Amino acid sequence: MNPSGINPTEFKVLIDPTPIQQKIGSIFIPETTQESEKFAQIKGRIVAVSPLAFSYASKEEWTAAGAEKPKPGDLILYAKYAGVRTKGKDGKEYVLANDKDICALIEE
């Protein structure tokens, strides 16, 4: 389910960036640094995928490569500083990135 109200078009993917730590040991990280670092992270979860995203390979090609087409809910690695930041109707900030910016699926 997509609580953001943002539906990607063309070859875009909507990503929920993984939150960063608020403190390291007993040292608190300032909120402004946390905010900028949140979007420098390269780990996140796919929220929504446009119909054209990942269409450069057929299902058979994905299977032959031993991979599967990324889908909503998958934990991923994506290119650092990829896409644009945008706020959803739920108040959370998301990253809207190109499908080619997805580098890997992370097994949980």
N, C-alpha and C. Protein backbone atom coordinates (compact mmCIF):
# COMPACT_ATOMS: atom_id res chain seq x y z
N MET A 1 0.85 -1.19 0.00
CA MET A 1 0.00 0.00 0.00
C MET A 1 0.88 1.25 0.00
N ASN A 2 0.44 2.27 -0.71
CA ASN A 2 1.20 3.50 -0.86
C ASN A 2 0.53 4.64 -0.08
N PRO A 3 0.98 4.90 1.15
CA PRO A 3 0.36 5.95 1.96
C PRO A 3 0.75 7.37 1.55
N SER A 4 1.72 7.49 0.64
CA SER A 4 2.24 8.81 0.28
C SER A 4 1.31 9.60 -0.63
N GLY A 5 0.50 8.90 -1.42
CA GLY A 5 -0.33 9.57 -2.40
C GLY A 5 0.45 9.96 -3.64
N ILE A 6 1.70 9.55 -3.73
CA ILE A 6 2.56 9.86 -4.87
C ILE A 6 2.66 8.61 -5.73
N ASN A 7 2.27 8.72 -6.99
CA ASN A 7 2.34 7.60 -7.92
C ASN A 7 3.36 7.91 -8.99
N PRO A 8 4.50 7.23 -8.98
CA PRO A 8 5.56 7.51 -9.95
C PRO A 8 5.09 7.27 -11.39
N THR A 9 5.67 8.03 -12.32
CA THR A 9 5.39 7.87 -13.75
C THR A 9 6.70 7.55 -14.46
N GLU A 10 6.60 7.30 -15.75
CA GLU A 10 7.74 6.94 -16.59
C GLU A 10 8.56 5.83 -15.95
N PHE A 11 9.85 6.05 -15.72
CA PHE A 11 10.74 5.01 -15.20
C PHE A 11 11.15 5.32 -13.76
N LYS A 12 10.23 5.83 -12.98
CA LYS A 12 10.53 6.27 -11.62
C LYS A 12 10.10 5.26 -10.56
N VAL A 13 10.78 5.36 -9.40
CA VAL A 13 10.51 4.52 -8.24
C VAL A 13 10.43 5.44 -7.02
N LEU A 14 9.44 5.24 -6.16
CA LEU A 14 9.31 6.02 -4.94
C LEU A 14 9.95 5.23 -3.81
N ILE A 15 10.90 5.88 -3.10
CA ILE A 15 11.68 5.22 -2.05
C ILE A 15 11.47 5.92 -0.72
N ASP A 16 11.31 5.12 0.33
CA ASP A 16 11.28 5.62 1.71
C ASP A 16 12.68 5.40 2.27
N PRO A 17 13.50 6.47 2.44
CA PRO A 17 14.86 6.30 2.93
C PRO A 17 14.88 5.73 4.34
N THR A 18 15.86 4.87 4.62
CA THR A 18 16.03 4.32 5.96
C THR A 18 16.48 5.43 6.89
N PRO A 19 15.82 5.59 8.04
CA PRO A 19 16.21 6.66 8.98
C PRO A 19 17.63 6.44 9.51
N ILE A 20 18.31 7.55 9.80
CA ILE A 20 19.66 7.44 10.36
C ILE A 20 19.59 7.46 11.88
N GLN A 21 20.69 7.10 12.51
CA GLN A 21 20.74 7.09 13.97
C GLN A 21 20.67 8.52 14.51
N GLN A 22 20.00 8.67 15.66
CA GLN A 22 19.91 9.99 16.28
C GLN A 22 21.09 10.26 17.20
N LYS A 23 21.78 9.20 17.61
CA LYS A 23 22.98 9.40 18.40
C LYS A 23 23.94 8.25 18.17
N ILE A 24 25.20 8.54 18.35
CA ILE A 24 26.24 7.53 18.25
C ILE A 24 26.87 7.46 19.63
N GLY A 25 26.68 6.34 20.31
CA GLY A 25 27.14 6.24 21.70
C GLY A 25 26.39 7.25 22.54
N SER A 26 27.11 8.15 23.18
CA SER A 26 26.45 9.19 23.99
C SER A 26 26.45 10.54 23.28
N ILE A 27 26.87 10.57 22.01
CA ILE A 27 26.92 11.82 21.25
C ILE A 27 25.66 11.94 20.40
N PHE A 28 24.91 13.03 20.61
CA PHE A 28 23.70 13.27 19.84
C PHE A 28 24.06 13.99 18.54
N ILE A 29 23.45 13.55 17.45
CA ILE A 29 23.67 14.16 16.14
C ILE A 29 22.65 15.28 15.97
N PRO A 30 23.07 16.51 15.63
CA PRO A 30 22.12 17.62 15.47
C PRO A 30 21.07 17.29 14.41
N GLU A 31 19.86 17.81 14.63
CA GLU A 31 18.75 17.52 13.73
C GLU A 31 19.03 17.96 12.29
N THR A 32 19.69 19.08 12.12
CA THR A 32 19.98 19.54 10.76
C THR A 32 20.92 18.57 10.03
N THR A 33 21.87 18.02 10.75
CA THR A 33 22.78 17.03 10.16
C THR A 33 22.02 15.75 9.87
N GLN A 34 21.14 15.34 10.78
CA GLN A 34 20.34 14.13 10.56
C GLN A 34 19.51 14.28 9.30
N GLU A 35 18.90 15.45 9.12
CA GLU A 35 18.03 15.68 7.96
C GLU A 35 18.80 15.56 6.66
N SER A 36 19.98 16.17 6.59
CA SER A 36 20.75 16.10 5.35
C SER A 36 21.32 14.69 5.14
N GLU A 37 21.75 14.04 6.20
CA GLU A 37 22.31 12.70 6.09
C GLU A 37 21.25 11.65 5.76
N LYS A 38 20.00 11.90 6.15
CA LYS A 38 18.91 10.96 5.87
C LYS A 38 18.82 10.68 4.38
N PHE A 39 19.03 11.69 3.57
CA PHE A 39 18.90 11.52 2.14
C PHE A 39 20.24 11.23 1.46
N ALA A 40 21.31 11.17 2.24
CA ALA A 40 22.60 10.75 1.70
C ALA A 40 22.74 9.24 1.84
N GLN A 41 21.88 8.63 2.63
CA GLN A 41 21.92 7.18 2.82
C GLN A 41 21.63 6.48 1.50
N ILE A 42 22.11 5.29 1.37
CA ILE A 42 21.87 4.57 0.14
C ILE A 42 21.00 3.34 0.37
N LYS A 43 20.35 3.29 1.51
CA LYS A 43 19.46 2.17 1.81
C LYS A 43 18.05 2.71 1.99
N GLY A 44 17.07 1.99 1.48
CA GLY A 44 15.68 2.42 1.63
C GLY A 44 14.74 1.30 1.24
N ARG A 45 13.45 1.60 1.32
CA ARG A 45 12.42 0.62 0.99
C ARG A 45 11.56 1.18 -0.13
N ILE A 46 11.30 0.35 -1.14
CA ILE A 46 10.46 0.79 -2.26
C ILE A 46 9.02 0.91 -1.78
N VAL A 47 8.41 2.05 -2.08
CA VAL A 47 7.01 2.30 -1.72
C VAL A 47 6.10 2.08 -2.92
N ALA A 48 6.53 2.59 -4.08
CA ALA A 48 5.72 2.48 -5.30
C ALA A 48 6.64 2.44 -6.52
N VAL A 49 6.18 1.75 -7.56
CA VAL A 49 6.95 1.59 -8.79
C VAL A 49 6.04 1.96 -9.96
N SER A 50 6.54 2.77 -10.90
CA SER A 50 5.73 3.11 -12.08
C SER A 50 5.59 1.89 -12.98
N PRO A 51 4.56 1.86 -13.83
CA PRO A 51 4.35 0.71 -14.72
C PRO A 51 5.53 0.47 -15.68
N LEU A 52 6.26 1.50 -16.06
CA LEU A 52 7.37 1.35 -16.99
C LEU A 52 8.71 1.03 -16.31
N ALA A 53 8.79 1.20 -15.00
CA ALA A 53 10.05 0.97 -14.30
C ALA A 53 10.50 -0.47 -14.46
N PHE A 54 11.78 -0.65 -14.67
CA PHE A 54 12.42 -1.96 -14.82
C PHE A 54 11.91 -2.73 -16.04
N SER A 55 11.35 -2.03 -17.02
CA SER A 55 10.83 -2.70 -18.22
C SER A 55 11.90 -2.92 -19.27
N TYR A 56 13.14 -2.55 -18.97
CA TYR A 56 14.22 -2.74 -19.93
C TYR A 56 14.61 -4.21 -20.06
N ALA A 57 14.12 -5.07 -19.16
CA ALA A 57 14.38 -6.51 -19.25
C ALA A 57 13.06 -7.25 -19.05
N SER A 58 12.91 -8.35 -19.77
CA SER A 58 11.69 -9.16 -19.65
C SER A 58 11.75 -10.01 -18.38
N LYS A 59 10.63 -10.58 -18.00
CA LYS A 59 10.58 -11.45 -16.82
C LYS A 59 11.56 -12.61 -16.97
N GLU A 60 11.65 -13.15 -18.18
CA GLU A 60 12.57 -14.27 -18.45
C GLU A 60 14.03 -13.84 -18.25
N GLU A 61 14.35 -12.61 -18.67
CA GLU A 61 15.72 -12.11 -18.52
C GLU A 61 16.05 -11.90 -17.04
N TRP A 62 15.08 -11.40 -16.27
CA TRP A 62 15.30 -11.23 -14.82
C TRP A 62 15.56 -12.59 -14.18
N THR A 63 14.74 -13.58 -14.53
CA THR A 63 14.86 -14.92 -13.97
C THR A 63 16.19 -15.56 -14.38
N ALA A 64 16.56 -15.42 -15.64
CA ALA A 64 17.80 -15.99 -16.14
C ALA A 64 19.02 -15.40 -15.44
N ALA A 65 18.92 -14.14 -15.05
CA ALA A 65 20.02 -13.47 -14.37
C ALA A 65 20.06 -13.83 -12.88
N GLY A 66 19.09 -14.63 -12.43
CA GLY A 66 19.04 -15.02 -11.02
C GLY A 66 18.55 -13.90 -10.12
N ALA A 67 17.81 -12.99 -10.69
CA ALA A 67 17.29 -11.85 -9.92
C ALA A 67 15.78 -11.77 -10.10
N GLU A 68 15.19 -10.90 -9.35
CA GLU A 68 13.77 -10.63 -9.55
C GLU A 68 13.57 -9.14 -9.66
N LYS A 69 12.53 -8.77 -10.38
CA LYS A 69 12.20 -7.37 -10.60
C LYS A 69 11.85 -6.73 -9.25
N PRO A 70 12.50 -5.61 -8.89
CA PRO A 70 12.17 -4.94 -7.63
C PRO A 70 10.70 -4.54 -7.58
N LYS A 71 10.11 -4.64 -6.38
CA LYS A 71 8.69 -4.35 -6.19
C LYS A 71 8.49 -3.61 -4.88
N PRO A 72 7.32 -3.00 -4.68
CA PRO A 72 7.06 -2.31 -3.41
C PRO A 72 7.27 -3.24 -2.22
N GLY A 73 7.91 -2.70 -1.19
CA GLY A 73 8.20 -3.46 0.02
C GLY A 73 9.62 -3.98 0.08
N ASP A 74 10.31 -4.01 -1.09
CA ASP A 74 11.68 -4.50 -1.12
C ASP A 74 12.63 -3.50 -0.47
N LEU A 75 13.61 -4.03 0.28
CA LEU A 75 14.68 -3.23 0.84
C LEU A 75 15.77 -3.16 -0.22
N ILE A 76 16.26 -1.95 -0.50
CA ILE A 76 17.19 -1.75 -1.62
C ILE A 76 18.38 -0.88 -1.25
N LEU A 77 19.38 -0.93 -2.11
CA LEU A 77 20.46 0.04 -2.12
C LEU A 77 20.24 0.89 -3.36
N TYR A 78 20.37 2.19 -3.22
CA TYR A 78 20.20 3.07 -4.38
C TYR A 78 21.33 4.09 -4.42
N ALA A 79 21.52 4.68 -5.58
CA ALA A 79 22.62 5.61 -5.78
C ALA A 79 22.54 6.79 -4.83
N LYS A 80 23.68 7.14 -4.26
CA LYS A 80 23.76 8.24 -3.30
C LYS A 80 23.32 9.54 -3.99
N TYR A 81 22.46 10.28 -3.34
CA TYR A 81 21.91 11.55 -3.84
C TYR A 81 21.06 11.39 -5.09
N ALA A 82 20.54 10.20 -5.34
CA ALA A 82 19.69 9.96 -6.52
C ALA A 82 18.33 10.63 -6.34
N GLY A 83 17.73 11.02 -7.44
CA GLY A 83 16.36 11.49 -7.46
C GLY A 83 16.13 12.82 -6.77
N VAL A 84 14.84 13.06 -6.50
CA VAL A 84 14.43 14.30 -5.85
C VAL A 84 13.68 13.97 -4.56
N ARG A 85 13.80 14.86 -3.59
CA ARG A 85 13.06 14.70 -2.34
C ARG A 85 11.68 15.30 -2.52
N THR A 86 10.69 14.61 -1.98
CA THR A 86 9.32 15.11 -2.06
C THR A 86 8.54 14.66 -0.84
N LYS A 87 7.56 15.46 -0.45
CA LYS A 87 6.76 15.13 0.72
C LYS A 87 5.44 14.53 0.28
N GLY A 88 5.06 13.43 0.92
CA GLY A 88 3.80 12.77 0.62
C GLY A 88 2.65 13.35 1.42
N LYS A 89 1.44 12.92 1.10
CA LYS A 89 0.26 13.43 1.83
C LYS A 89 0.25 12.96 3.28
N ASP A 90 1.07 11.93 3.57
CA ASP A 90 1.19 11.44 4.94
C ASP A 90 2.20 12.24 5.77
N GLY A 91 2.84 13.26 5.15
CA GLY A 91 3.77 14.13 5.86
C GLY A 91 5.21 13.64 5.84
N LYS A 92 5.46 12.43 5.38
CA LYS A 92 6.82 11.89 5.31
C LYS A 92 7.51 12.36 4.04
N GLU A 93 8.84 12.43 4.10
CA GLU A 93 9.62 12.77 2.91
C GLU A 93 10.10 11.50 2.24
N TYR A 94 10.04 11.50 0.91
CA TYR A 94 10.42 10.36 0.09
C TYR A 94 11.44 10.79 -0.95
N VAL A 95 12.05 9.80 -1.60
CA VAL A 95 12.94 10.05 -2.73
C VAL A 95 12.26 9.46 -3.96
N LEU A 96 12.14 10.26 -5.00
CA LEU A 96 11.59 9.83 -6.28
C LEU A 96 12.78 9.71 -7.23
N ALA A 97 13.17 8.46 -7.55
CA ALA A 97 14.40 8.22 -8.31
C ALA A 97 14.12 7.41 -9.57
N ASN A 98 15.08 7.42 -10.49
CA ASN A 98 15.00 6.60 -11.69
C ASN A 98 15.22 5.14 -11.33
N ASP A 99 14.60 4.24 -12.09
CA ASP A 99 14.78 2.81 -11.82
C ASP A 99 16.24 2.40 -11.96
N LYS A 100 17.00 3.05 -12.82
CA LYS A 100 18.41 2.73 -13.01
C LYS A 100 19.27 3.11 -11.81
N ASP A 101 18.71 3.93 -10.88
CA ASP A 101 19.43 4.31 -9.67
C ASP A 101 19.37 3.23 -8.59
N ILE A 102 18.54 2.21 -8.80
CA ILE A 102 18.46 1.08 -7.87
C ILE A 102 19.65 0.17 -8.15
N CYS A 103 20.51 0.00 -7.15
CA CYS A 103 21.75 -0.76 -7.35
C CYS A 103 21.60 -2.23 -6.96
N ALA A 104 20.81 -2.51 -5.91
CA ALA A 104 20.72 -3.90 -5.44
C ALA A 104 19.51 -4.09 -4.54
N LEU A 105 19.04 -5.32 -4.49
CA LEU A 105 18.02 -5.73 -3.53
C LEU A 105 18.75 -6.28 -2.31
N ILE A 106 18.26 -5.99 -1.12
CA ILE A 106 18.88 -6.48 0.11
C ILE A 106 17.96 -7.57 0.68
N GLU A 107 18.54 -8.73 0.92
CA GLU A 107 17.76 -9.82 1.52
C GLU A 107 17.59 -9.53 3.01
N GLU A 108 16.39 -9.81 3.49
CA GLU A 108 16.11 -9.57 4.91
C GLU A 108 16.10 -10.87 5.67
